[in-house]
Full PDB file with SEQRES, HELIX, SHEET, SSBOND, CRYST1, ORIGX, SCALE, CONECT and MASTER records, all heavy atoms in Angstrom:
SEQRES   1 A   40  PHE MET VAL PRO VAL ILE PHE LEU SER LEU LEU LEU VAL          
SEQRES   2 A   40  THR ARG ARG CYS PHE HIS LYS LEU LEU ASN ASN GLU ASN          
SEQRES   3 A   40  HIS ASN SER PHE ALA GLU LYS GLN TYR GLU ASN MET GLY          
SEQRES   4 A   40  ASP                                                          
HELIX    1 AA1 VAL A    3  ASN A   24  1                                  22    
HELIX    2 AA2 PHE A   30  GLY A   39  1                                  10    
CRYST1    1.000    1.000    1.000  90.00  90.00  90.00 P 1           1          
ORIGX1      1.000000  0.000000  0.000000        0.00000                         
ORIGX2      0.000000  1.000000  0.000000        0.00000                         
ORIGX3      0.000000  0.000000  1.000000        0.00000                         
SCALE1      1.000000  0.000000  0.000000        0.00000                         
SCALE2      0.000000  1.000000  0.000000        0.00000                         
SCALE3      0.000000  0.000000  1.000000        0.00000                         
ATOM      1  N   PHE A   1      -6.381  27.668 -26.715  1.00  0.00           N  
ATOM      2  CA  PHE A   1      -5.729  26.374 -26.777  1.00  0.00           C  
ATOM      3  C   PHE A   1      -5.805  25.521 -25.521  1.00  0.00           C  
ATOM      4  O   PHE A   1      -5.718  24.356 -25.443  1.00  0.00           O  
ATOM      5  CB  PHE A   1      -4.309  26.406 -27.270  1.00  0.00           C  
ATOM      6  CG  PHE A   1      -4.100  26.849 -28.681  1.00  0.00           C  
ATOM      7  CD1 PHE A   1      -2.897  27.431 -29.159  1.00  0.00           C  
ATOM      8  CD2 PHE A   1      -5.057  26.494 -29.616  1.00  0.00           C  
ATOM      9  CE1 PHE A   1      -2.687  27.705 -30.403  1.00  0.00           C  
ATOM     10  CE2 PHE A   1      -4.916  26.843 -31.040  1.00  0.00           C  
ATOM     11  CZ  PHE A   1      -3.840  27.401 -31.469  1.00  0.00           C  
ATOM     12  N   MET A   2      -5.920  26.377 -24.420  1.00  0.00           N  
ATOM     13  CA  MET A   2      -5.994  25.683 -23.085  1.00  0.00           C  
ATOM     14  C   MET A   2      -7.422  25.223 -22.761  1.00  0.00           C  
ATOM     15  O   MET A   2      -7.547  24.398 -21.783  1.00  0.00           O  
ATOM     16  CB  MET A   2      -5.481  26.657 -22.035  1.00  0.00           C  
ATOM     17  CG  MET A   2      -4.095  27.053 -22.022  1.00  0.00           C  
ATOM     18  SD  MET A   2      -3.034  25.693 -21.756  1.00  0.00           S  
ATOM     19  CE  MET A   2      -3.416  25.549 -19.990  1.00  0.00           C  
ATOM     20  N   VAL A   3      -8.412  25.592 -23.459  1.00  0.00           N  
ATOM     21  CA  VAL A   3      -9.848  25.183 -23.141  1.00  0.00           C  
ATOM     22  C   VAL A   3      -9.964  23.641 -23.270  1.00  0.00           C  
ATOM     23  O   VAL A   3     -10.591  23.096 -22.321  1.00  0.00           O  
ATOM     24  CB  VAL A   3     -10.821  25.986 -23.994  1.00  0.00           C  
ATOM     25  CG1 VAL A   3     -12.229  25.394 -23.816  1.00  0.00           C  
ATOM     26  CG2 VAL A   3     -10.704  27.543 -23.655  1.00  0.00           C  
ATOM     27  N   PRO A   4      -9.552  22.995 -24.344  1.00  0.00           N  
ATOM     28  CA  PRO A   4      -9.698  21.578 -24.335  1.00  0.00           C  
ATOM     29  C   PRO A   4      -8.989  20.885 -23.259  1.00  0.00           C  
ATOM     30  O   PRO A   4      -9.383  19.868 -22.727  1.00  0.00           O  
ATOM     31  CB  PRO A   4      -9.107  21.163 -25.706  1.00  0.00           C  
ATOM     32  CG  PRO A   4      -9.095  22.487 -26.582  1.00  0.00           C  
ATOM     33  CD  PRO A   4      -8.992  23.593 -25.665  1.00  0.00           C  
ATOM     34  N   VAL A   5      -7.920  21.370 -22.824  1.00  0.00           N  
ATOM     35  CA  VAL A   5      -7.195  20.814 -21.625  1.00  0.00           C  
ATOM     36  C   VAL A   5      -7.952  20.868 -20.416  1.00  0.00           C  
ATOM     37  O   VAL A   5      -7.930  19.999 -19.410  1.00  0.00           O  
ATOM     38  CB  VAL A   5      -5.725  21.467 -21.491  1.00  0.00           C  
ATOM     39  CG1 VAL A   5      -4.840  20.775 -20.390  1.00  0.00           C  
ATOM     40  CG2 VAL A   5      -5.024  21.507 -22.801  1.00  0.00           C  
ATOM     41  N   ILE A   6      -8.657  21.983 -20.243  1.00  0.00           N  
ATOM     42  CA  ILE A   6      -9.491  22.194 -19.059  1.00  0.00           C  
ATOM     43  C   ILE A   6     -10.567  21.044 -19.054  1.00  0.00           C  
ATOM     44  O   ILE A   6     -10.854  20.500 -17.952  1.00  0.00           O  
ATOM     45  CB  ILE A   6     -10.190  23.600 -19.074  1.00  0.00           C  
ATOM     46  CG1 ILE A   6      -9.055  24.686 -18.869  1.00  0.00           C  
ATOM     47  CG2 ILE A   6     -11.211  23.626 -18.005  1.00  0.00           C  
ATOM     48  CD1 ILE A   6      -9.695  26.014 -18.926  1.00  0.00           C  
ATOM     49  N   PHE A   7     -11.197  20.853 -20.220  1.00  0.00           N  
ATOM     50  CA  PHE A   7     -12.243  19.740 -20.284  1.00  0.00           C  
ATOM     51  C   PHE A   7     -11.588  18.393 -20.010  1.00  0.00           C  
ATOM     52  O   PHE A   7     -12.262  17.451 -19.387  1.00  0.00           O  
ATOM     53  CB  PHE A   7     -12.917  19.831 -21.604  1.00  0.00           C  
ATOM     54  CG  PHE A   7     -13.849  20.951 -21.752  1.00  0.00           C  
ATOM     55  CD1 PHE A   7     -13.629  22.100 -22.474  1.00  0.00           C  
ATOM     56  CD2 PHE A   7     -15.133  20.921 -20.989  1.00  0.00           C  
ATOM     57  CE1 PHE A   7     -14.497  23.157 -22.608  1.00  0.00           C  
ATOM     58  CE2 PHE A   7     -15.977  21.956 -21.166  1.00  0.00           C  
ATOM     59  CZ  PHE A   7     -15.712  23.103 -21.926  1.00  0.00           C  
ATOM     60  N   LEU A   8     -10.430  18.198 -20.425  1.00  0.00           N  
ATOM     61  CA  LEU A   8      -9.791  16.948 -20.318  1.00  0.00           C  
ATOM     62  C   LEU A   8      -9.439  16.678 -18.754  1.00  0.00           C  
ATOM     63  O   LEU A   8      -9.701  15.619 -18.208  1.00  0.00           O  
ATOM     64  CB  LEU A   8      -8.452  16.897 -21.070  1.00  0.00           C  
ATOM     65  CG  LEU A   8      -8.638  16.579 -22.580  1.00  0.00           C  
ATOM     66  CD1 LEU A   8      -7.201  16.691 -23.226  1.00  0.00           C  
ATOM     67  CD2 LEU A   8      -9.339  15.251 -22.908  1.00  0.00           C  
ATOM     68  N   SER A   9      -8.908  17.665 -18.075  1.00  0.00           N  
ATOM     69  CA  SER A   9      -8.791  17.523 -16.693  1.00  0.00           C  
ATOM     70  C   SER A   9     -10.015  17.455 -15.907  1.00  0.00           C  
ATOM     71  O   SER A   9     -10.117  16.722 -14.901  1.00  0.00           O  
ATOM     72  CB  SER A   9      -8.022  18.691 -16.144  1.00  0.00           C  
ATOM     73  OG  SER A   9      -8.625  19.932 -16.474  1.00  0.00           O  
ATOM     74  N   LEU A  10     -11.146  18.163 -16.373  1.00  0.00           N  
ATOM     75  CA  LEU A  10     -12.348  18.024 -15.748  1.00  0.00           C  
ATOM     76  C   LEU A  10     -12.953  16.493 -15.945  1.00  0.00           C  
ATOM     77  O   LEU A  10     -13.590  16.037 -15.035  1.00  0.00           O  
ATOM     78  CB  LEU A  10     -13.410  18.898 -16.278  1.00  0.00           C  
ATOM     79  CG  LEU A  10     -14.729  19.001 -15.780  1.00  0.00           C  
ATOM     80  CD1 LEU A  10     -14.813  19.291 -14.281  1.00  0.00           C  
ATOM     81  CD2 LEU A  10     -15.706  19.853 -16.442  1.00  0.00           C  
ATOM     82  N   LEU A  11     -12.602  15.877 -17.024  1.00  0.00           N  
ATOM     83  CA  LEU A  11     -13.057  14.537 -17.311  1.00  0.00           C  
ATOM     84  C   LEU A  11     -12.405  13.556 -16.313  1.00  0.00           C  
ATOM     85  O   LEU A  11     -12.894  12.628 -15.737  1.00  0.00           O  
ATOM     86  CB  LEU A  11     -12.641  14.175 -18.767  1.00  0.00           C  
ATOM     87  CG  LEU A  11     -12.981  12.713 -19.218  1.00  0.00           C  
ATOM     88  CD1 LEU A  11     -14.536  12.468 -19.038  1.00  0.00           C  
ATOM     89  CD2 LEU A  11     -12.487  12.411 -20.570  1.00  0.00           C  
ATOM     90  N   LEU A  12     -11.071  13.924 -15.935  1.00  0.00           N  
ATOM     91  CA  LEU A  12     -10.335  13.026 -14.963  1.00  0.00           C  
ATOM     92  C   LEU A  12     -11.085  13.189 -13.611  1.00  0.00           C  
ATOM     93  O   LEU A  12     -11.198  12.157 -12.835  1.00  0.00           O  
ATOM     94  CB  LEU A  12      -8.897  13.539 -14.852  1.00  0.00           C  
ATOM     95  CG  LEU A  12      -7.985  13.193 -16.103  1.00  0.00           C  
ATOM     96  CD1 LEU A  12      -6.620  13.712 -15.879  1.00  0.00           C  
ATOM     97  CD2 LEU A  12      -7.897  11.656 -16.205  1.00  0.00           C  
ATOM     98  N   VAL A  13     -11.481  14.304 -13.187  1.00  0.00           N  
ATOM     99  CA  VAL A  13     -11.942  14.585 -11.959  1.00  0.00           C  
ATOM    100  C   VAL A  13     -13.429  13.859 -11.844  1.00  0.00           C  
ATOM    101  O   VAL A  13     -13.685  13.187 -10.894  1.00  0.00           O  
ATOM    102  CB  VAL A  13     -12.262  16.091 -11.644  1.00  0.00           C  
ATOM    103  CG1 VAL A  13     -12.951  16.379 -10.329  1.00  0.00           C  
ATOM    104  CG2 VAL A  13     -10.776  16.737 -11.561  1.00  0.00           C  
ATOM    105  N   THR A  14     -14.262  14.064 -12.772  1.00  0.00           N  
ATOM    106  CA  THR A  14     -15.541  13.399 -12.838  1.00  0.00           C  
ATOM    107  C   THR A  14     -15.430  11.898 -12.884  1.00  0.00           C  
ATOM    108  O   THR A  14     -16.160  11.124 -12.366  1.00  0.00           O  
ATOM    109  CB  THR A  14     -16.374  13.853 -14.074  1.00  0.00           C  
ATOM    110  OG1 THR A  14     -15.594  13.675 -15.324  1.00  0.00           O  
ATOM    111  CG2 THR A  14     -16.751  15.347 -13.935  1.00  0.00           C  
ATOM    112  N   ARG A  15     -14.392  11.440 -13.645  1.00  0.00           N  
ATOM    113  CA  ARG A  15     -14.172   9.973 -13.761  1.00  0.00           C  
ATOM    114  C   ARG A  15     -13.861   9.388 -12.403  1.00  0.00           C  
ATOM    115  O   ARG A  15     -14.230   8.314 -11.997  1.00  0.00           O  
ATOM    116  CB  ARG A  15     -13.013   9.617 -14.812  1.00  0.00           C  
ATOM    117  CG  ARG A  15     -12.812   8.145 -15.087  1.00  0.00           C  
ATOM    118  CD  ARG A  15     -11.801   8.098 -16.241  1.00  0.00           C  
ATOM    119  NE  ARG A  15     -11.574   6.566 -16.418  1.00  0.00           N  
ATOM    120  CZ  ARG A  15     -10.548   6.033 -15.894  1.00  0.00           C  
ATOM    121  NH1 ARG A  15      -9.571   6.647 -15.108  1.00  0.00           N  
ATOM    122  NH2 ARG A  15     -10.143   4.661 -16.222  1.00  0.00           N  
ATOM    123  N   ARG A  16     -12.964  10.073 -11.626  1.00  0.00           N  
ATOM    124  CA  ARG A  16     -12.657   9.616 -10.371  1.00  0.00           C  
ATOM    125  C   ARG A  16     -13.849   9.631  -9.411  1.00  0.00           C  
ATOM    126  O   ARG A  16     -14.039   8.696  -8.659  1.00  0.00           O  
ATOM    127  CB  ARG A  16     -11.477  10.504  -9.728  1.00  0.00           C  
ATOM    128  CG  ARG A  16     -11.190  10.275  -8.352  1.00  0.00           C  
ATOM    129  CD  ARG A  16      -9.938  10.903  -7.878  1.00  0.00           C  
ATOM    130  NE  ARG A  16      -8.760  10.445  -8.490  1.00  0.00           N  
ATOM    131  CZ  ARG A  16      -7.502  10.725  -8.282  1.00  0.00           C  
ATOM    132  NH1 ARG A  16      -7.139  11.637  -7.268  1.00  0.00           N  
ATOM    133  NH2 ARG A  16      -6.396  10.275  -8.852  1.00  0.00           N  
ATOM    134  N   CYS A  17     -14.563  10.637  -9.457  1.00  0.00           N  
ATOM    135  CA  CYS A  17     -15.831  10.684  -8.620  1.00  0.00           C  
ATOM    136  C   CYS A  17     -16.695   9.586  -8.947  1.00  0.00           C  
ATOM    137  O   CYS A  17     -17.378   9.022  -8.190  1.00  0.00           O  
ATOM    138  CB  CYS A  17     -16.497  12.053  -8.774  1.00  0.00           C  
ATOM    139  SG  CYS A  17     -15.557  13.484  -8.099  1.00  0.00           S  
ATOM    140  N   PHE A  18     -16.783   9.295 -10.277  1.00  0.00           N  
ATOM    141  CA  PHE A  18     -17.809   8.223 -10.758  1.00  0.00           C  
ATOM    142  C   PHE A  18     -17.233   6.807 -10.258  1.00  0.00           C  
ATOM    143  O   PHE A  18     -18.095   6.084  -9.761  1.00  0.00           O  
ATOM    144  CB  PHE A  18     -17.759   8.168 -12.315  1.00  0.00           C  
ATOM    145  CG  PHE A  18     -18.610   7.094 -12.725  1.00  0.00           C  
ATOM    146  CD1 PHE A  18     -20.003   7.268 -12.763  1.00  0.00           C  
ATOM    147  CD2 PHE A  18     -18.157   6.030 -13.514  1.00  0.00           C  
ATOM    148  CE1 PHE A  18     -20.838   6.304 -13.253  1.00  0.00           C  
ATOM    149  CE2 PHE A  18     -18.977   5.052 -14.032  1.00  0.00           C  
ATOM    150  CZ  PHE A  18     -20.287   5.221 -13.937  1.00  0.00           C  
ATOM    151  N   HIS A  19     -16.062   6.635 -10.289  1.00  0.00           N  
ATOM    152  CA  HIS A  19     -15.380   5.362  -9.682  1.00  0.00           C  
ATOM    153  C   HIS A  19     -15.612   5.299  -8.216  1.00  0.00           C  
ATOM    154  O   HIS A  19     -15.940   4.247  -7.690  1.00  0.00           O  
ATOM    155  CB  HIS A  19     -13.994   5.289 -10.072  1.00  0.00           C  
ATOM    156  CG  HIS A  19     -13.723   4.755 -11.463  1.00  0.00           C  
ATOM    157  ND1 HIS A  19     -14.014   3.436 -11.747  1.00  0.00           N  
ATOM    158  CD2 HIS A  19     -13.240   5.396 -12.520  1.00  0.00           C  
ATOM    159  CE1 HIS A  19     -13.664   3.322 -13.093  1.00  0.00           C  
ATOM    160  NE2 HIS A  19     -13.097   4.488 -13.416  1.00  0.00           N  
ATOM    161  N   LYS A  20     -15.527   6.350  -7.489  1.00  0.00           N  
ATOM    162  CA  LYS A  20     -15.835   6.349  -6.084  1.00  0.00           C  
ATOM    163  C   LYS A  20     -17.229   5.992  -5.799  1.00  0.00           C  
ATOM    164  O   LYS A  20     -17.518   5.228  -4.856  1.00  0.00           O  
ATOM    165  CB  LYS A  20     -15.406   7.734  -5.447  1.00  0.00           C  
ATOM    166  CG  LYS A  20     -13.952   8.012  -5.314  1.00  0.00           C  
ATOM    167  CD  LYS A  20     -13.651   9.227  -4.634  1.00  0.00           C  
ATOM    168  CE  LYS A  20     -12.191   9.528  -4.479  1.00  0.00           C  
ATOM    169  NZ  LYS A  20     -11.829  10.815  -3.740  1.00  0.00           N  
ATOM    170  N   LEU A  21     -18.096   6.575  -6.516  1.00  0.00           N  
ATOM    171  CA  LEU A  21     -19.515   6.250  -6.441  1.00  0.00           C  
ATOM    172  C   LEU A  21     -19.799   4.835  -6.560  1.00  0.00           C  
ATOM    173  O   LEU A  21     -20.456   4.132  -5.902  1.00  0.00           O  
ATOM    174  CB  LEU A  21     -20.346   7.130  -7.341  1.00  0.00           C  
ATOM    175  CG  LEU A  21     -21.864   6.920  -7.312  1.00  0.00           C  
ATOM    176  CD1 LEU A  21     -22.370   7.321  -5.955  1.00  0.00           C  
ATOM    177  CD2 LEU A  21     -22.566   7.752  -8.410  1.00  0.00           C  
ATOM    178  N   LEU A  22     -19.173   4.090  -7.723  1.00  0.00           N  
ATOM    179  CA  LEU A  22     -19.266   2.692  -7.947  1.00  0.00           C  
ATOM    180  C   LEU A  22     -18.782   1.942  -6.824  1.00  0.00           C  
ATOM    181  O   LEU A  22     -19.240   0.865  -6.394  1.00  0.00           O  
ATOM    182  CB  LEU A  22     -18.576   2.343  -9.195  1.00  0.00           C  
ATOM    183  CG  LEU A  22     -19.316   2.873 -10.566  1.00  0.00           C  
ATOM    184  CD1 LEU A  22     -18.523   2.450 -11.717  1.00  0.00           C  
ATOM    185  CD2 LEU A  22     -20.783   2.381 -10.666  1.00  0.00           C  
ATOM    186  N   ASN A  23     -17.634   2.409  -6.224  1.00  0.00           N  
ATOM    187  CA  ASN A  23     -17.030   1.697  -5.014  1.00  0.00           C  
ATOM    188  C   ASN A  23     -17.931   1.640  -3.860  1.00  0.00           C  
ATOM    189  O   ASN A  23     -18.117   0.612  -3.126  1.00  0.00           O  
ATOM    190  CB  ASN A  23     -15.787   2.184  -4.685  1.00  0.00           C  
ATOM    191  CG  ASN A  23     -14.648   1.972  -5.712  1.00  0.00           C  
ATOM    192  OD1 ASN A  23     -14.826   1.077  -6.476  1.00  0.00           O  
ATOM    193  ND2 ASN A  23     -13.712   2.864  -5.834  1.00  0.00           N  
ATOM    194  N   ASN A  24     -18.629   2.741  -3.607  1.00  0.00           N  
ATOM    195  CA  ASN A  24     -19.527   2.888  -2.483  1.00  0.00           C  
ATOM    196  C   ASN A  24     -20.744   1.967  -2.628  1.00  0.00           C  
ATOM    197  O   ASN A  24     -21.431   1.415  -1.722  1.00  0.00           O  
ATOM    198  CB  ASN A  24     -19.971   4.236  -2.345  1.00  0.00           C  
ATOM    199  CG  ASN A  24     -18.822   5.140  -1.837  1.00  0.00           C  
ATOM    200  OD1 ASN A  24     -17.997   4.743  -1.285  1.00  0.00           O  
ATOM    201  ND2 ASN A  24     -18.950   6.386  -2.114  1.00  0.00           N  
ATOM    202  N   GLU A  25     -21.150   1.763  -3.946  1.00  0.00           N  
ATOM    203  CA  GLU A  25     -22.287   0.879  -4.211  1.00  0.00           C  
ATOM    204  C   GLU A  25     -21.949  -0.538  -4.379  1.00  0.00           C  
ATOM    205  O   GLU A  25     -22.676  -1.462  -4.772  1.00  0.00           O  
ATOM    206  CB  GLU A  25     -23.049   1.403  -5.453  1.00  0.00           C  
ATOM    207  CG  GLU A  25     -23.746   2.746  -5.269  1.00  0.00           C  
ATOM    208  CD  GLU A  25     -24.318   3.167  -6.498  1.00  0.00           C  
ATOM    209  OE1 GLU A  25     -24.167   2.437  -7.529  1.00  0.00           O  
ATOM    210  OE2 GLU A  25     -24.943   4.269  -6.521  1.00  0.00           O  
ATOM    211  N   ASN A  26     -20.689  -1.000  -4.147  1.00  0.00           N  
ATOM    212  CA  ASN A  26     -20.134  -2.327  -4.249  1.00  0.00           C  
ATOM    213  C   ASN A  26     -20.317  -2.963  -5.658  1.00  0.00           C  
ATOM    214  O   ASN A  26     -20.794  -4.013  -5.831  1.00  0.00           O  
ATOM    215  CB  ASN A  26     -20.850  -3.194  -3.156  1.00  0.00           C  
ATOM    216  CG  ASN A  26     -20.373  -2.761  -1.714  1.00  0.00           C  
ATOM    217  OD1 ASN A  26     -19.263  -2.410  -1.623  1.00  0.00           O  
ATOM    218  ND2 ASN A  26     -21.365  -2.803  -0.849  1.00  0.00           N  
ATOM    219  N   HIS A  27     -20.025  -2.193  -6.626  1.00  0.00           N  
ATOM    220  CA  HIS A  27     -20.073  -2.803  -8.079  1.00  0.00           C  
ATOM    221  C   HIS A  27     -18.813  -2.830  -8.712  1.00  0.00           C  
ATOM    222  O   HIS A  27     -18.730  -2.654  -9.995  1.00  0.00           O  
ATOM    223  CB  HIS A  27     -21.035  -1.857  -8.854  1.00  0.00           C  
ATOM    224  CG  HIS A  27     -22.569  -1.804  -8.502  1.00  0.00           C  
ATOM    225  ND1 HIS A  27     -23.205  -3.071  -8.507  1.00  0.00           N  
ATOM    226  CD2 HIS A  27     -23.378  -0.938  -7.945  1.00  0.00           C  
ATOM    227  CE1 HIS A  27     -24.516  -2.762  -8.214  1.00  0.00           C  
ATOM    228  NE2 HIS A  27     -24.603  -1.612  -7.809  1.00  0.00           N  
ATOM    229  N   ASN A  28     -17.788  -3.126  -7.922  1.00  0.00           N  
ATOM    230  CA  ASN A  28     -16.391  -3.197  -8.535  1.00  0.00           C  
ATOM    231  C   ASN A  28     -16.315  -4.471  -9.297  1.00  0.00           C  
ATOM    232  O   ASN A  28     -16.948  -5.595  -8.884  1.00  0.00           O  
ATOM    233  CB  ASN A  28     -15.256  -3.278  -7.377  1.00  0.00           C  
ATOM    234  CG  ASN A  28     -15.149  -1.908  -6.813  1.00  0.00           C  
ATOM    235  OD1 ASN A  28     -15.646  -0.916  -7.321  1.00  0.00           O  
ATOM    236  ND2 ASN A  28     -14.614  -1.896  -5.564  1.00  0.00           N  
ATOM    237  N   SER A  29     -15.720  -4.442 -10.376  1.00  0.00           N  
ATOM    238  CA  SER A  29     -15.376  -5.705 -11.148  1.00  0.00           C  
ATOM    239  C   SER A  29     -14.315  -6.405 -10.585  1.00  0.00           C  
ATOM    240  O   SER A  29     -13.678  -6.022  -9.562  1.00  0.00           O  
ATOM    241  CB  SER A  29     -15.102  -5.171 -12.639  1.00  0.00           C  
ATOM    242  OG  SER A  29     -13.902  -4.470 -12.653  1.00  0.00           O  
ATOM    243  N   PHE A  30     -14.072  -7.631 -11.101  1.00  0.00           N  
ATOM    244  CA  PHE A  30     -12.958  -8.469 -10.709  1.00  0.00           C  
ATOM    245  C   PHE A  30     -11.579  -7.899 -10.808  1.00  0.00           C  
ATOM    246  O   PHE A  30     -10.774  -7.865 -10.051  1.00  0.00           O  
ATOM    247  CB  PHE A  30     -13.006  -9.806 -11.507  1.00  0.00           C  
ATOM    248  CG  PHE A  30     -11.908 -10.772 -11.099  1.00  0.00           C  
ATOM    249  CD1 PHE A  30     -11.740 -11.415  -9.939  1.00  0.00           C  
ATOM    250  CD2 PHE A  30     -10.745 -10.793 -11.945  1.00  0.00           C  
ATOM    251  CE1 PHE A  30     -10.732 -12.194  -9.627  1.00  0.00           C  
ATOM    252  CE2 PHE A  30      -9.716 -11.603 -11.619  1.00  0.00           C  
ATOM    253  CZ  PHE A  30      -9.601 -12.320 -10.467  1.00  0.00           C  
ATOM    254  N   ALA A  31     -11.429  -7.230 -12.029  1.00  0.00           N  
ATOM    255  CA  ALA A  31     -10.165  -6.552 -12.239  1.00  0.00           C  
ATOM    256  C   ALA A  31      -9.845  -5.381 -11.305  1.00  0.00           C  
ATOM    257  O   ALA A  31      -8.775  -5.173 -10.751  1.00  0.00           O  
ATOM    258  CB  ALA A  31     -10.199  -5.967 -13.645  1.00  0.00           C  
ATOM    259  N   GLU A  32     -10.936  -4.597 -10.893  1.00  0.00           N  
ATOM    260  CA  GLU A  32     -10.773  -3.526  -9.923  1.00  0.00           C  
ATOM    261  C   GLU A  32     -10.365  -4.021  -8.529  1.00  0.00           C  
ATOM    262  O   GLU A  32      -9.595  -3.422  -7.839  1.00  0.00           O  
ATOM    263  CB  GLU A  32     -12.029  -2.645  -9.870  1.00  0.00           C  
ATOM    264  CG  GLU A  32     -12.111  -1.760 -11.148  1.00  0.00           C  
ATOM    265  CD  GLU A  32     -13.557  -1.126 -11.209  1.00  0.00           C  
ATOM    266  OE1 GLU A  32     -14.394  -1.391 -10.362  1.00  0.00           O  
ATOM    267  OE2 GLU A  32     -13.740  -0.212 -12.021  1.00  0.00           O  
ATOM    268  N   LYS A  33     -11.032  -5.076  -8.153  1.00  0.00           N  
ATOM    269  CA  LYS A  33     -10.801  -5.641  -6.849  1.00  0.00           C  
ATOM    270  C   LYS A  33      -9.345  -6.263  -6.868  1.00  0.00           C  
ATOM    271  O   LYS A  33      -8.637  -6.126  -5.746  1.00  0.00           O  
ATOM    272  CB  LYS A  33     -11.817  -6.832  -6.521  1.00  0.00           C  
ATOM    273  CG  LYS A  33     -13.162  -6.408  -6.280  1.00  0.00           C  
ATOM    274  CD  LYS A  33     -14.112  -7.514  -6.025  1.00  0.00           C  
ATOM    275  CE  LYS A  33     -15.535  -7.039  -5.749  1.00  0.00           C  
ATOM    276  NZ  LYS A  33     -16.482  -8.144  -5.540  1.00  0.00           N  
ATOM    277  N   GLN A  34      -9.018  -6.843  -7.849  1.00  0.00           N  
ATOM    278  CA  GLN A  34      -7.559  -7.379  -7.989  1.00  0.00           C  
ATOM    279  C   GLN A  34      -6.552  -6.216  -7.979  1.00  0.00           C  
ATOM    280  O   GLN A  34      -5.576  -6.375  -7.318  1.00  0.00           O  
ATOM    281  CB  GLN A  34      -7.475  -8.093  -9.304  1.00  0.00           C  
ATOM    282  CG  GLN A  34      -6.175  -9.100  -9.383  1.00  0.00           C  
ATOM    283  CD  GLN A  34      -6.159  -9.829 -10.600  1.00  0.00           C  
ATOM    284  OE1 GLN A  34      -6.728  -9.534 -11.697  1.00  0.00           O  
ATOM    285  NE2 GLN A  34      -5.434 -10.935 -10.528  1.00  0.00           N  
ATOM    286  N   TYR A  35      -6.904  -5.182  -8.531  1.00  0.00           N  
ATOM    287  CA  TYR A  35      -6.047  -4.007  -8.593  1.00  0.00           C  
ATOM    288  C   TYR A  35      -5.846  -3.417  -7.137  1.00  0.00           C  
ATOM    289  O   TYR A  35      -4.860  -3.070  -6.815  1.00  0.00           O  
ATOM    290  CB  TYR A  35      -6.495  -2.897  -9.579  1.00  0.00           C  
ATOM    291  CG  TYR A  35      -5.683  -1.734  -9.750  1.00  0.00           C  
ATOM    292  CD1 TYR A  35      -4.596  -1.694 -10.530  1.00  0.00           C  
ATOM    293  CD2 TYR A  35      -5.969  -0.479  -8.902  1.00  0.00           C  
ATOM    294  CE1 TYR A  35      -3.731  -0.565 -10.623  1.00  0.00           C  
ATOM    295  CE2 TYR A  35      -5.119   0.538  -8.944  1.00  0.00           C  
ATOM    296  CZ  TYR A  35      -4.082   0.579  -9.914  1.00  0.00           C  
ATOM    297  OH  TYR A  35      -3.389   1.649  -9.915  1.00  0.00           O  
ATOM    298  N   GLU A  36      -7.007  -3.316  -6.532  1.00  0.00           N  
ATOM    299  CA  GLU A  36      -7.015  -2.788  -5.085  1.00  0.00           C  
ATOM    300  C   GLU A  36      -6.323  -3.760  -4.222  1.00  0.00           C  
ATOM    301  O   GLU A  36      -5.491  -3.238  -3.314  1.00  0.00           O  
ATOM    302  CB  GLU A  36      -8.375  -2.589  -4.602  1.00  0.00           C  
ATOM    303  CG  GLU A  36      -9.233  -1.535  -5.318  1.00  0.00           C  
ATOM    304  CD  GLU A  36     -10.608  -1.463  -4.803  1.00  0.00           C  
ATOM    305  OE1 GLU A  36     -11.097  -2.273  -3.811  1.00  0.00           O  
ATOM    306  OE2 GLU A  36     -11.419  -0.547  -5.311  1.00  0.00           O  
ATOM    307  N   ASN A  37      -6.362  -5.099  -4.390  1.00  0.00           N  
ATOM    308  CA  ASN A  37      -5.616  -5.944  -3.584  1.00  0.00           C  
ATOM    309  C   ASN A  37      -4.199  -5.881  -3.801  1.00  0.00           C  
ATOM    310  O   ASN A  37      -3.349  -5.863  -2.939  1.00  0.00           O  
ATOM    311  CB  ASN A  37      -6.125  -7.357  -3.786  1.00  0.00           C  
ATOM    312  CG  ASN A  37      -7.501  -7.688  -3.367  1.00  0.00           C  
ATOM    313  OD1 ASN A  37      -7.903  -6.961  -2.433  1.00  0.00           O  
ATOM    314  ND2 ASN A  37      -8.218  -8.565  -4.074  1.00  0.00           N  
ATOM    315  N   MET A  38      -3.817  -5.716  -5.045  1.00  0.00           N  
ATOM    316  CA  MET A  38      -2.469  -5.534  -5.323  1.00  0.00           C  
ATOM    317  C   MET A  38      -1.775  -4.238  -4.861  1.00  0.00           C  
ATOM    318  O   MET A  38      -0.663  -4.102  -4.495  1.00  0.00           O  
ATOM    319  CB  MET A  38      -2.183  -5.586  -6.929  1.00  0.00           C  
ATOM    320  CG  MET A  38      -0.745  -5.343  -7.309  1.00  0.00           C  
ATOM    321  SD  MET A  38       0.527  -6.474  -6.497  1.00  0.00           S  
ATOM    322  CE  MET A  38      -0.228  -8.007  -7.227  1.00  0.00           C  
ATOM    323  N   GLY A  39      -2.748  -3.169  -4.918  1.00  0.00           N  
ATOM    324  CA  GLY A  39      -2.276  -1.965  -4.303  1.00  0.00           C  
ATOM    325  C   GLY A  39      -2.012  -2.002  -2.823  1.00  0.00           C  
ATOM    326  O   GLY A  39      -1.104  -1.328  -2.251  1.00  0.00           O  
ATOM    327  N   ASP A  40      -2.887  -2.805  -2.075  1.00  0.00           N  
ATOM    328  CA  ASP A  40      -2.640  -2.938  -0.629  1.00  0.00           C  
ATOM    329  C   ASP A  40      -1.296  -3.740  -0.330  1.00  0.00           C  
ATOM    330  O   ASP A  40      -0.611  -3.278   0.549  1.00  0.00           O  
ATOM    331  CB  ASP A  40      -3.859  -3.763  -0.051  1.00  0.00           C  
ATOM    332  CG  ASP A  40      -5.103  -2.850  -0.186  1.00  0.00           C  
ATOM    333  OD1 ASP A  40      -4.997  -1.654  -0.339  1.00  0.00           O  
ATOM    334  OD2 ASP A  40      -6.233  -3.530  -0.146  1.00  0.00           O  
TER     335      ASP A  40                                                      
MASTER        0    0    0    2    0    0    0    6  334    1    0    4          
END                                                                             
């Protein structure tokens, strides 16, 4: 029963890495820039 939870948590990790890769390539959308500005 814990195996699907492992894949879900792995999905979160890969999703975060994917977003970091997009940020490094300067492909952020308007909503992501707005979110970052609001976070700052």
